[in-house]
Amino acid sequence: MNEAERIGDSHRARKRLFAKGLRRRYLTIEEIESDLPPGAMTDAERWLLYYSLQAMEIEIRGDPDRAGEGPLDGHG
């Protein structure tokens, strides 16, 4: 997979997550992590995704330590 395909897959996955989150008003850490393509985002991009979801008033449910990423480290 080339860089453009990887970015496109990641972009589509994020759009789906935002749509689902806006519809339901929440997402779980497990579904966020499972919906993202492996290796699709840097740590900074992942943090920005979680921050943006929270800014859109989408509740993030679950234990951040279980996801292994720790995205909710007090910035929400």
Protein backbone atom coordinates (compact mmCIF):
# COMPACT_ATOMS: atom_id res chain seq x y z
CA MET A 1 0.00 0.00 0.00
CA ASN A 2 1.43 3.38 -0.94
CA GLU A 3 1.33 6.57 1.12
CA ALA A 4 -1.71 8.02 -0.67
CA GLU A 5 -3.74 4.84 -0.16
CA ARG A 6 -2.77 4.72 3.51
CA ILE A 7 -3.80 8.34 4.02
CA GLY A 8 -7.06 7.78 2.12
CA ASP A 9 -7.97 4.75 4.25
CA SER A 10 -7.23 6.68 7.43
CA HIS A 11 -9.27 9.67 6.27
CA ARG A 12 -12.28 7.50 5.41
CA ALA A 13 -12.06 5.71 8.76
CA ARG A 14 -11.99 9.01 10.64
CA LYS A 15 -14.99 10.31 8.68
CA ARG A 16 -16.93 7.14 9.57
CA LEU A 17 -15.99 7.54 13.25
CA PHE A 18 -17.13 11.17 13.33
CA ALA A 19 -20.42 10.30 11.62
CA LYS A 20 -21.08 7.42 14.02
CA GLY A 21 -20.09 9.52 17.03
CA LEU A 22 -22.28 12.45 16.04
CA ARG A 23 -25.21 10.11 15.47
CA ARG A 24 -24.80 8.21 18.77
CA ARG A 25 -23.13 11.00 20.81
CA TYR A 26 -20.47 8.56 22.03
CA LEU A 27 -17.77 6.16 20.84
CA THR A 28 -15.81 3.56 22.74
CA ILE A 29 -12.04 3.49 22.72
CA GLU A 30 -12.20 -0.10 21.49
CA GLU A 31 -14.30 0.77 18.44
CA ILE A 32 -12.16 3.80 17.62
CA GLU A 33 -8.98 1.76 17.73
CA SER A 34 -10.46 -1.17 15.79
CA ASP A 35 -11.88 1.10 13.07
CA LEU A 36 -8.53 2.79 12.36
CA PRO A 37 -6.23 1.04 9.90
CA PRO A 38 -3.08 -0.33 11.58
CA GLY A 39 -0.24 2.18 11.51
CA ALA A 40 -2.50 4.84 10.01
CA MET A 41 -1.74 7.60 12.49
CA THR A 42 1.14 9.00 14.48
CA ASP A 43 0.71 9.49 18.23
CA ALA A 44 0.14 13.21 17.64
CA GLU A 45 -2.52 12.51 14.98
CA ARG A 46 -4.21 10.01 17.29
CA TRP A 47 -4.25 12.54 20.15
CA LEU A 48 -5.74 15.15 17.79
CA LEU A 49 -8.45 12.70 16.70
CA TYR A 50 -9.52 12.04 20.31
CA TYR A 51 -9.34 15.74 21.13
CA SER A 52 -11.44 16.61 18.06
CA LEU A 53 -14.05 13.99 18.92
CA GLN A 54 -14.36 15.43 22.41
CA ALA A 55 -14.55 18.98 21.01
CA MET A 56 -17.54 17.84 18.94
CA GLU A 57 -19.12 16.73 22.25
CA ILE A 58 -18.73 13.06 21.41
CA GLU A 59 -18.26 11.14 24.65
CA ILE A 60 -15.29 8.76 24.66
CA ARG A 61 -16.13 5.69 26.72
CA GLY A 62 -13.77 3.07 28.03
CA ASP A 63 -10.45 2.73 29.81
CA PRO A 64 -7.65 4.53 27.92
CA ASP A 65 -5.10 2.10 29.37
CA ARG A 66 -6.88 -0.83 27.71
CA ALA A 67 -6.33 0.74 24.30
CA GLY A 68 -2.63 1.03 25.03
CA GLU A 69 -2.55 4.58 23.70
CA GLY A 70 -3.60 6.73 26.66
CA PRO A 71 -5.40 9.31 24.45
CA LEU A 72 -7.43 10.86 27.25
CA ASP A 73 -4.65 12.14 29.49
CA GLY A 74 -6.56 15.06 30.94
CA HIS A 75 -6.90 17.12 27.76
CA GLY A 76 -10.64 16.80 27.45
